[in-house]
Full PDB file with SEQRES, HELIX, SHEET, SSBOND, CRYST1, ORIGX, SCALE, CONECT and MASTER records, all heavy atoms in Angstrom:
SEQRES   1 A   36  ILE MET GLY PHE THR PRO ALA VAL SER ASP THR SER THR          
SEQRES   2 A   36  PRO LEU TYR GLU SER ILE GLU ARG VAL LEU THR LEU HIS          
SEQRES   3 A   36  TYR GLU ASN MET LYS VAL VAL PRO SER VAL                      
HELIX    1 AA1 PRO A   14  HIS A   26  1                                  13    
CRYST1    1.000    1.000    1.000  90.00  90.00  90.00 P 1           1          
ORIGX1      1.000000  0.000000  0.000000        0.00000                         
ORIGX2      0.000000  1.000000  0.000000        0.00000                         
ORIGX3      0.000000  0.000000  1.000000        0.00000                         
SCALE1      1.000000  0.000000  0.000000        0.00000                         
SCALE2      0.000000  1.000000  0.000000        0.00000                         
SCALE3      0.000000  0.000000  1.000000        0.00000                         
ATOM      1  N   ILE A   1      51.793 127.856 130.251  1.00  0.00           N  
ATOM      2  CA  ILE A   1      52.448 127.263 131.422  1.00  0.00           C  
ATOM      3  C   ILE A   1      51.856 125.892 131.725  1.00  0.00           C  
ATOM      4  O   ILE A   1      52.572 124.927 131.968  1.00  0.00           O  
ATOM      5  CB  ILE A   1      52.307 128.190 132.649  1.00  0.00           C  
ATOM      6  CG1 ILE A   1      52.952 129.545 132.363  1.00  0.00           C  
ATOM      7  CG2 ILE A   1      52.925 127.545 133.890  1.00  0.00           C  
ATOM      8  CD1 ILE A   1      52.731 130.560 133.469  1.00  0.00           C  
ATOM      9  N   MET A   2      50.553 125.826 131.731  1.00  0.00           N  
ATOM     10  CA  MET A   2      49.858 124.552 131.931  1.00  0.00           C  
ATOM     11  C   MET A   2      48.463 124.654 131.341  1.00  0.00           C  
ATOM     12  O   MET A   2      47.906 125.748 131.215  1.00  0.00           O  
ATOM     13  CB  MET A   2      49.787 124.173 133.417  1.00  0.00           C  
ATOM     14  CG  MET A   2      48.971 125.136 134.269  1.00  0.00           C  
ATOM     15  SD  MET A   2      48.814 124.605 135.992  1.00  0.00           S  
ATOM     16  CE  MET A   2      50.495 124.803 136.556  1.00  0.00           C  
ATOM     17  N   GLY A   3      47.930 123.538 130.957  1.00  0.00           N  
ATOM     18  CA  GLY A   3      46.584 123.505 130.402  1.00  0.00           C  
ATOM     19  C   GLY A   3      46.009 122.112 130.536  1.00  0.00           C  
ATOM     20  O   GLY A   3      46.745 121.121 130.519  1.00  0.00           O  
ATOM     21  N   PHE A   4      44.690 122.035 130.666  1.00  0.00           N  
ATOM     22  CA  PHE A   4      44.048 120.751 130.898  1.00  0.00           C  
ATOM     23  C   PHE A   4      42.852 120.590 129.974  1.00  0.00           C  
ATOM     24  O   PHE A   4      42.192 121.564 129.613  1.00  0.00           O  
ATOM     25  CB  PHE A   4      43.601 120.625 132.355  1.00  0.00           C  
ATOM     26  CG  PHE A   4      44.692 120.887 133.352  1.00  0.00           C  
ATOM     27  CD1 PHE A   4      44.736 122.079 134.052  1.00  0.00           C  
ATOM     28  CD2 PHE A   4      45.686 119.948 133.567  1.00  0.00           C  
ATOM     29  CE1 PHE A   4      45.748 122.331 134.957  1.00  0.00           C  
ATOM     30  CE2 PHE A   4      46.705 120.196 134.473  1.00  0.00           C  
ATOM     31  CZ  PHE A   4      46.738 121.390 135.173  1.00  0.00           C  
ATOM     32  N   THR A   5      42.582 119.356 129.620  1.00  0.00           N  
ATOM     33  CA  THR A   5      41.464 119.075 128.737  1.00  0.00           C  
ATOM     34  C   THR A   5      40.149 119.182 129.507  1.00  0.00           C  
ATOM     35  O   THR A   5      40.073 118.788 130.672  1.00  0.00           O  
ATOM     36  CB  THR A   5      41.580 117.655 128.149  1.00  0.00           C  
ATOM     37  OG1 THR A   5      41.665 116.719 129.234  1.00  0.00           O  
ATOM     38  CG2 THR A   5      42.815 117.529 127.290  1.00  0.00           C  
ATOM     39  N   PRO A   6      39.101 119.705 128.870  1.00  0.00           N  
ATOM     40  CA  PRO A   6      37.789 119.713 129.539  1.00  0.00           C  
ATOM     41  C   PRO A   6      37.256 118.300 129.622  1.00  0.00           C  
ATOM     42  O   PRO A   6      37.478 117.481 128.727  1.00  0.00           O  
ATOM     43  CB  PRO A   6      36.933 120.586 128.612  1.00  0.00           C  
ATOM     44  CG  PRO A   6      37.573 120.427 127.269  1.00  0.00           C  
ATOM     45  CD  PRO A   6      39.053 120.296 127.532  1.00  0.00           C  
ATOM     46  N   ALA A   7      36.595 117.993 130.702  1.00  0.00           N  
ATOM     47  CA  ALA A   7      36.065 116.641 130.882  1.00  0.00           C  
ATOM     48  C   ALA A   7      34.829 116.689 131.760  1.00  0.00           C  
ATOM     49  O   ALA A   7      34.658 117.601 132.564  1.00  0.00           O  
ATOM     50  CB  ALA A   7      37.127 115.729 131.503  1.00  0.00           C  
ATOM     51  N   VAL A   8      33.983 115.697 131.598  1.00  0.00           N  
ATOM     52  CA  VAL A   8      32.767 115.614 132.398  1.00  0.00           C  
ATOM     53  C   VAL A   8      32.519 114.154 132.744  1.00  0.00           C  
ATOM     54  O   VAL A   8      32.888 113.257 131.981  1.00  0.00           O  
ATOM     55  CB  VAL A   8      31.566 116.209 131.622  1.00  0.00           C  
ATOM     56  CG1 VAL A   8      31.295 115.394 130.367  1.00  0.00           C  
ATOM     57  CG2 VAL A   8      30.326 116.273 132.499  1.00  0.00           C  
ATOM     58  N   SER A   9      31.934 113.902 133.897  1.00  0.00           N  
ATOM     59  CA  SER A   9      31.613 112.544 134.309  1.00  0.00           C  
ATOM     60  C   SER A   9      30.122 112.293 134.149  1.00  0.00           C  
ATOM     61  O   SER A   9      29.292 113.138 134.512  1.00  0.00           O  
ATOM     62  CB  SER A   9      32.025 112.310 135.769  1.00  0.00           C  
ATOM     63  OG  SER A   9      33.425 112.301 135.910  1.00  0.00           O  
ATOM     64  N   ASP A  10      29.781 111.135 133.626  1.00  0.00           N  
ATOM     65  CA  ASP A  10      28.392 110.742 133.440  1.00  0.00           C  
ATOM     66  C   ASP A  10      27.695 110.644 134.796  1.00  0.00           C  
ATOM     67  O   ASP A  10      28.291 110.227 135.791  1.00  0.00           O  
ATOM     68  CB  ASP A  10      28.349 109.388 132.734  1.00  0.00           C  
ATOM     69  CG  ASP A  10      26.943 109.021 132.261  1.00  0.00           C  
ATOM     70  OD1 ASP A  10      26.002 109.761 132.578  1.00  0.00           O  
ATOM     71  OD2 ASP A  10      26.803 107.986 131.585  1.00  0.00           O  
ATOM     72  N   THR A  11      26.434 111.039 134.839  1.00  0.00           N  
ATOM     73  CA  THR A  11      25.679 110.965 136.094  1.00  0.00           C  
ATOM     74  C   THR A  11      24.910 109.647 136.236  1.00  0.00           C  
ATOM     75  O   THR A  11      24.267 109.427 137.258  1.00  0.00           O  
ATOM     76  CB  THR A  11      24.686 112.139 136.197  1.00  0.00           C  
ATOM     77  OG1 THR A  11      23.821 112.141 135.050  1.00  0.00           O  
ATOM     78  CG2 THR A  11      25.432 113.461 136.266  1.00  0.00           C  
ATOM     79  N   SER A  12      24.989 108.788 135.245  1.00  0.00           N  
ATOM     80  CA  SER A  12      24.316 107.477 135.332  1.00  0.00           C  
ATOM     81  C   SER A  12      25.271 106.454 135.933  1.00  0.00           C  
ATOM     82  O   SER A  12      25.670 105.481 135.280  1.00  0.00           O  
ATOM     83  CB  SER A  12      23.851 107.031 133.941  1.00  0.00           C  
ATOM     84  OG  SER A  12      22.981 107.980 133.372  1.00  0.00           O  
ATOM     85  N   THR A  13      25.646 106.682 137.185  1.00  0.00           N  
ATOM     86  CA  THR A  13      26.608 105.803 137.850  1.00  0.00           C  
ATOM     87  C   THR A  13      26.153 105.494 139.275  1.00  0.00           C  
ATOM     88  O   THR A  13      25.378 106.253 139.865  1.00  0.00           O  
ATOM     89  CB  THR A  13      27.997 106.484 137.928  1.00  0.00           C  
ATOM     90  OG1 THR A  13      27.903 107.637 138.785  1.00  0.00           O  
ATOM     91  CG2 THR A  13      28.482 106.914 136.557  1.00  0.00           C  
ATOM     92  N   PRO A  14      26.617 104.400 139.848  1.00  0.00           N  
ATOM     93  CA  PRO A  14      26.301 104.093 141.250  1.00  0.00           C  
ATOM     94  C   PRO A  14      26.783 105.191 142.201  1.00  0.00           C  
ATOM     95  O   PRO A  14      26.150 105.431 143.227  1.00  0.00           O  
ATOM     96  CB  PRO A  14      27.052 102.777 141.502  1.00  0.00           C  
ATOM     97  CG  PRO A  14      27.179 102.146 140.152  1.00  0.00           C  
ATOM     98  CD  PRO A  14      27.371 103.288 139.199  1.00  0.00           C  
ATOM     99  N   LEU A  15      27.880 105.856 141.866  1.00  0.00           N  
ATOM    100  CA  LEU A  15      28.399 106.925 142.722  1.00  0.00           C  
ATOM    101  C   LEU A  15      27.419 108.088 142.788  1.00  0.00           C  
ATOM    102  O   LEU A  15      27.125 108.609 143.871  1.00  0.00           O  
ATOM    103  CB  LEU A  15      29.755 107.399 142.190  1.00  0.00           C  
ATOM    104  CG  LEU A  15      30.468 108.490 143.000  1.00  0.00           C  
ATOM    105  CD1 LEU A  15      30.788 107.990 144.408  1.00  0.00           C  
ATOM    106  CD2 LEU A  15      31.745 108.943 142.294  1.00  0.00           C  
ATOM    107  N   TYR A  16      26.888 108.489 141.644  1.00  0.00           N  
ATOM    108  CA  TYR A  16      25.926 109.591 141.611  1.00  0.00           C  
ATOM    109  C   TYR A  16      24.624 109.189 142.307  1.00  0.00           C  
ATOM    110  O   TYR A  16      24.023 109.995 143.029  1.00  0.00           O  
ATOM    111  CB  TYR A  16      25.643 109.992 140.164  1.00  0.00           C  
ATOM    112  CG  TYR A  16      24.920 111.307 140.013  1.00  0.00           C  
ATOM    113  CD1 TYR A  16      25.606 112.508 140.023  1.00  0.00           C  
ATOM    114  CD2 TYR A  16      23.528 111.342 139.871  1.00  0.00           C  
ATOM    115  CE1 TYR A  16      24.947 113.716 139.881  1.00  0.00           C  
ATOM    116  CE2 TYR A  16      22.856 112.537 139.733  1.00  0.00           C  
ATOM    117  CZ  TYR A  16      23.576 113.730 139.739  1.00  0.00           C  
ATOM    118  OH  TYR A  16      22.902 114.922 139.617  1.00  0.00           O  
ATOM    119  N   GLU A  17      24.207 107.956 142.099  1.00  0.00           N  
ATOM    120  CA  GLU A  17      22.990 107.471 142.753  1.00  0.00           C  
ATOM    121  C   GLU A  17      23.143 107.472 144.268  1.00  0.00           C  
ATOM    122  O   GLU A  17      22.189 107.750 145.004  1.00  0.00           O  
ATOM    123  CB  GLU A  17      22.668 106.063 142.255  1.00  0.00           C  
ATOM    124  CG  GLU A  17      22.234 106.020 140.803  1.00  0.00           C  
ATOM    125  CD  GLU A  17      22.099 104.605 140.283  1.00  0.00           C  
ATOM    126  OE1 GLU A  17      22.353 103.654 141.070  1.00  0.00           O  
ATOM    127  OE2 GLU A  17      21.744 104.425 139.098  1.00  0.00           O  
ATOM    128  N   SER A  18      24.336 107.168 144.748  1.00  0.00           N  
ATOM    129  CA  SER A  18      24.595 107.176 146.190  1.00  0.00           C  
ATOM    130  C   SER A  18      24.495 108.592 146.741  1.00  0.00           C  
ATOM    131  O   SER A  18      23.940 108.815 147.823  1.00  0.00           O  
ATOM    132  CB  SER A  18      25.986 106.594 146.472  1.00  0.00           C  
ATOM    133  OG  SER A  18      26.251 106.576 147.860  1.00  0.00           O  
ATOM    134  N   ILE A  19      25.020 109.567 146.001  1.00  0.00           N  
ATOM    135  CA  ILE A  19      24.912 110.975 146.421  1.00  0.00           C  
ATOM    136  C   ILE A  19      23.444 111.372 146.528  1.00  0.00           C  
ATOM    137  O   ILE A  19      23.018 111.988 147.513  1.00  0.00           O  
ATOM    138  CB  ILE A  19      25.649 111.888 145.423  1.00  0.00           C  
ATOM    139  CG1 ILE A  19      27.158 111.651 145.499  1.00  0.00           C  
ATOM    140  CG2 ILE A  19      25.329 113.361 145.705  1.00  0.00           C  
ATOM    141  CD1 ILE A  19      27.954 112.407 144.451  1.00  0.00           C  
ATOM    142  N   GLU A  20      22.661 111.018 145.512  1.00  0.00           N  
ATOM    143  CA  GLU A  20      21.237 111.344 145.528  1.00  0.00           C  
ATOM    144  C   GLU A  20      20.527 110.684 146.707  1.00  0.00           C  
ATOM    145  O   GLU A  20      19.711 111.313 147.391  1.00  0.00           O  
ATOM    146  CB  GLU A  20      20.580 110.890 144.219  1.00  0.00           C  
ATOM    147  CG  GLU A  20      20.986 111.683 143.008  1.00  0.00           C  
ATOM    148  CD  GLU A  20      20.250 111.231 141.771  1.00  0.00           C  
ATOM    149  OE1 GLU A  20      20.201 110.001 141.531  1.00  0.00           O  
ATOM    150  OE2 GLU A  20      19.702 112.085 141.045  1.00  0.00           O  
ATOM    151  N   ARG A  21      20.847 109.433 146.951  1.00  0.00           N  
ATOM    152  CA  ARG A  21      20.176 108.665 148.002  1.00  0.00           C  
ATOM    153  C   ARG A  21      20.440 109.279 149.379  1.00  0.00           C  
ATOM    154  O   ARG A  21      19.524 109.448 150.194  1.00  0.00           O  
ATOM    155  CB  ARG A  21      20.677 107.220 147.941  1.00  0.00           C  
ATOM    156  CG  ARG A  21      19.902 106.238 148.773  1.00  0.00           C  
ATOM    157  CD  ARG A  21      20.138 104.816 148.322  1.00  0.00           C  
ATOM    158  NE  ARG A  21      21.547 104.487 148.156  1.00  0.00           N  
ATOM    159  CZ  ARG A  21      22.099 104.157 146.988  1.00  0.00           C  
ATOM    160  NH1 ARG A  21      21.376 104.130 145.881  1.00  0.00           N  
ATOM    161  NH2 ARG A  21      23.387 103.858 146.917  1.00  0.00           N  
ATOM    162  N   VAL A  22      21.680 109.613 149.644  1.00  0.00           N  
ATOM    163  CA  VAL A  22      22.043 110.149 150.958  1.00  0.00           C  
ATOM    164  C   VAL A  22      21.470 111.554 151.163  1.00  0.00           C  
ATOM    165  O   VAL A  22      20.917 111.862 152.224  1.00  0.00           O  
ATOM    166  CB  VAL A  22      23.576 110.169 151.121  1.00  0.00           C  
ATOM    167  CG1 VAL A  22      23.973 110.919 152.386  1.00  0.00           C  
ATOM    168  CG2 VAL A  22      24.117 108.745 151.172  1.00  0.00           C  
ATOM    169  N   LEU A  23      21.571 112.410 150.158  1.00  0.00           N  
ATOM    170  CA  LEU A  23      21.049 113.776 150.297  1.00  0.00           C  
ATOM    171  C   LEU A  23      19.535 113.771 150.469  1.00  0.00           C  
ATOM    172  O   LEU A  23      18.990 114.581 151.227  1.00  0.00           O  
ATOM    173  CB  LEU A  23      21.447 114.611 149.076  1.00  0.00           C  
ATOM    174  CG  LEU A  23      22.914 115.019 149.000  1.00  0.00           C  
ATOM    175  CD1 LEU A  23      23.192 115.790 147.710  1.00  0.00           C  
ATOM    176  CD2 LEU A  23      23.302 115.885 150.210  1.00  0.00           C  
ATOM    177  N   THR A  24      18.850 112.867 149.778  1.00  0.00           N  
ATOM    178  CA  THR A  24      17.396 112.792 149.900  1.00  0.00           C  
ATOM    179  C   THR A  24      16.977 112.407 151.317  1.00  0.00           C  
ATOM    180  O   THR A  24      15.958 112.892 151.841  1.00  0.00           O  
ATOM    181  CB  THR A  24      16.836 111.769 148.898  1.00  0.00           C  
ATOM    182  OG1 THR A  24      17.185 112.169 147.571  1.00  0.00           O  
ATOM    183  CG2 THR A  24      15.319 111.691 149.009  1.00  0.00           C  
ATOM    184  N   LEU A  25      17.758 111.566 151.968  1.00  0.00           N  
ATOM    185  CA  LEU A  25      17.437 111.164 153.333  1.00  0.00           C  
ATOM    186  C   LEU A  25      17.709 112.279 154.335  1.00  0.00           C  
ATOM    187  O   LEU A  25      17.062 112.364 155.373  1.00  0.00           O  
ATOM    188  CB  LEU A  25      18.242 109.921 153.709  1.00  0.00           C  
ATOM    189  CG  LEU A  25      17.747 108.616 153.078  1.00  0.00           C  
ATOM    190  CD1 LEU A  25      18.752 107.508 153.286  1.00  0.00           C  
ATOM    191  CD2 LEU A  25      16.400 108.223 153.662  1.00  0.00           C  
ATOM    192  N   HIS A  26      18.640 113.153 154.032  1.00  0.00           N  
ATOM    193  CA  HIS A  26      18.974 114.243 154.954  1.00  0.00           C  
ATOM    194  C   HIS A  26      18.129 115.494 154.712  1.00  0.00           C  
ATOM    195  O   HIS A  26      17.897 116.271 155.635  1.00  0.00           O  
ATOM    196  CB  HIS A  26      20.459 114.596 154.835  1.00  0.00           C  
ATOM    197  CG  HIS A  26      21.361 113.680 155.601  1.00  0.00           C  
ATOM    198  ND1 HIS A  26      21.648 113.871 156.935  1.00  0.00           N  
ATOM    199  CD2 HIS A  26      22.025 112.561 155.224  1.00  0.00           C  
ATOM    200  CE1 HIS A  26      22.466 112.918 157.352  1.00  0.00           C  
ATOM    201  NE2 HIS A  26      22.704 112.103 156.343  1.00  0.00           N  
ATOM    202  N   TYR A  27      17.709 115.708 153.473  1.00  0.00           N  
ATOM    203  CA  TYR A  27      16.941 116.907 153.142  1.00  0.00           C  
ATOM    204  C   TYR A  27      15.685 116.497 152.375  1.00  0.00           C  
ATOM    205  O   TYR A  27      15.775 115.950 151.269  1.00  0.00           O  
ATOM    206  CB  TYR A  27      17.763 117.877 152.303  1.00  0.00           C  
ATOM    207  CG  TYR A  27      18.973 118.434 153.022  1.00  0.00           C  
ATOM    208  CD1 TYR A  27      20.249 117.981 152.699  1.00  0.00           C  
ATOM    209  CD2 TYR A  27      18.838 119.395 154.021  1.00  0.00           C  
ATOM    210  CE1 TYR A  27      21.365 118.480 153.351  1.00  0.00           C  
ATOM    211  CE2 TYR A  27      19.939 119.898 154.683  1.00  0.00           C  
ATOM    212  CZ  TYR A  27      21.199 119.439 154.344  1.00  0.00           C  
ATOM    213  OH  TYR A  27      22.300 119.939 155.000  1.00  0.00           O  
ATOM    214  N   GLU A  28      14.546 116.793 152.959  1.00  0.00           N  
ATOM    215  CA  GLU A  28      13.276 116.429 152.339  1.00  0.00           C  
ATOM    216  C   GLU A  28      13.103 117.161 151.012  1.00  0.00           C  
ATOM    217  O   GLU A  28      13.420 118.344 150.892  1.00  0.00           O  
ATOM    218  CB  GLU A  28      12.119 116.787 153.281  1.00  0.00           C  
ATOM    219  CG  GLU A  28      10.775 116.273 152.806  1.00  0.00           C  
ATOM    220  CD  GLU A  28       9.676 116.580 153.795  1.00  0.00           C  
ATOM    221  OE1 GLU A  28       9.977 117.187 154.851  1.00  0.00           O  
ATOM    222  OE2 GLU A  28       8.517 116.225 153.520  1.00  0.00           O  
ATOM    223  N   ASN A  29      12.618 116.440 150.009  1.00  0.00           N  
ATOM    224  CA  ASN A  29      12.366 116.987 148.671  1.00  0.00           C  
ATOM    225  C   ASN A  29      13.637 117.500 147.989  1.00  0.00           C  
ATOM    226  O   ASN A  29      13.583 118.380 147.134  1.00  0.00           O  
ATOM    227  CB  ASN A  29      11.333 118.123 148.734  1.00  0.00           C  
ATOM    228  CG  ASN A  29      10.000 117.659 149.285  1.00  0.00           C  
ATOM    229  OD1 ASN A  29       9.552 116.556 148.977  1.00  0.00           O  
ATOM    230  ND2 ASN A  29       9.370 118.484 150.112  1.00  0.00           N  
ATOM    231  N   MET A  30      14.782 116.965 148.376  1.00  0.00           N  
ATOM    232  CA  MET A  30      16.049 117.351 147.763  1.00  0.00           C  
ATOM    233  C   MET A  30      16.107 116.877 146.307  1.00  0.00           C  
ATOM    234  O   MET A  30      15.689 115.760 145.991  1.00  0.00           O  
ATOM    235  CB  MET A  30      17.218 116.750 148.546  1.00  0.00           C  
ATOM    236  CG  MET A  30      18.562 116.778 147.834  1.00  0.00           C  
ATOM    237  SD  MET A  30      19.189 118.444 147.556  1.00  0.00           S  
ATOM    238  CE  MET A  30      19.619 118.918 149.223  1.00  0.00           C  
ATOM    239  N   LYS A  31      16.593 117.741 145.422  1.00  0.00           N  
ATOM    240  CA  LYS A  31      16.799 117.392 144.020  1.00  0.00           C  
ATOM    241  C   LYS A  31      18.254 117.669 143.669  1.00  0.00           C  
ATOM    242  O   LYS A  31      18.726 118.806 143.794  1.00  0.00           O  
ATOM    243  CB  LYS A  31      15.867 118.205 143.112  1.00  0.00           C  
ATOM    244  CG  LYS A  31      16.036 117.912 141.635  1.00  0.00           C  
ATOM    245  CD  LYS A  31      15.610 116.506 141.283  1.00  0.00           C  
ATOM    246  CE  LYS A  31      15.695 116.248 139.782  1.00  0.00           C  
ATOM    247  NZ  LYS A  31      15.340 114.852 139.439  1.00  0.00           N  
ATOM    248  N   VAL A  32      18.980 116.644 143.272  1.00  0.00           N  
ATOM    249  CA  VAL A  32      20.389 116.797 142.917  1.00  0.00           C  
ATOM    250  C   VAL A  32      20.489 117.119 141.433  1.00  0.00           C  
ATOM    251  O   VAL A  32      19.973 116.381 140.587  1.00  0.00           O  
ATOM    252  CB  VAL A  32      21.183 115.506 143.226  1.00  0.00           C  
ATOM    253  CG1 VAL A  32      22.653 115.691 142.871  1.00  0.00           C  
ATOM    254  CG2 VAL A  32      21.037 115.144 144.702  1.00  0.00           C  
ATOM    255  N   VAL A  33      21.160 118.231 141.117  1.00  0.00           N  
ATOM    256  CA  VAL A  33      21.282 118.685 139.730  1.00  0.00           C  
ATOM    257  C   VAL A  33      22.756 118.960 139.418  1.00  0.00           C  
ATOM    258  O   VAL A  33      23.402 119.721 140.146  1.00  0.00           O  
ATOM    259  CB  VAL A  33      20.464 119.979 139.490  1.00  0.00           C  
ATOM    260  CG1 VAL A  33      20.617 120.445 138.050  1.00  0.00           C  
ATOM    261  CG2 VAL A  33      19.004 119.752 139.838  1.00  0.00           C  
ATOM    262  N   PRO A  34      23.316 118.351 138.380  1.00  0.00           N  
ATOM    263  CA  PRO A  34      24.706 118.643 138.011  1.00  0.00           C  
ATOM    264  C   PRO A  34      24.835 120.065 137.484  1.00  0.00           C  
ATOM    265  O   PRO A  34      23.893 120.612 136.899  1.00  0.00           O  
ATOM    266  CB  PRO A  34      25.005 117.615 136.918  1.00  0.00           C  
ATOM    267  CG  PRO A  34      23.675 117.258 136.356  1.00  0.00           C  
ATOM    268  CD  PRO A  34      22.698 117.348 137.497  1.00  0.00           C  
ATOM    269  N   SER A  35      25.967 120.675 137.692  1.00  0.00           N  
ATOM    270  CA  SER A  35      26.158 122.056 137.256  1.00  0.00           C  
ATOM    271  C   SER A  35      27.588 122.269 136.781  1.00  0.00           C  
ATOM    272  O   SER A  35      28.472 121.434 136.998  1.00  0.00           O  
ATOM    273  CB  SER A  35      25.840 123.020 138.406  1.00  0.00           C  
ATOM    274  OG  SER A  35      26.750 122.834 139.472  1.00  0.00           O  
ATOM    275  N   VAL A  36      27.799 123.392 136.127  1.00  0.00           N  
ATOM    276  CA  VAL A  36      29.127 123.803 135.685  1.00  0.00           C  
ATOM    277  C   VAL A  36      29.624 124.886 136.627  1.00  0.00           C  
ATOM    278  O   VAL A  36      28.877 125.780 137.012  1.00  0.00           O  
ATOM    279  CB  VAL A  36      29.101 124.336 134.240  1.00  0.00           C  
ATOM    280  CG1 VAL A  36      30.492 124.799 133.806  1.00  0.00           C  
ATOM    281  CG2 VAL A  36      28.593 123.268 133.290  1.00  0.00           C  
TER     282      VAL A  36                                                      
MASTER        0    0    0    1    0    0    0    6  281    1    0    3          
END                                                                             
């Protein structure tokens, strides 16, 4: 009926760095880890 190609986004981007920066300021010792 429908199907989609698997895809992943690189984490070496300004967008990912922004996520890390904001979460670190809100949660002490926060570690951002990509997952499936």
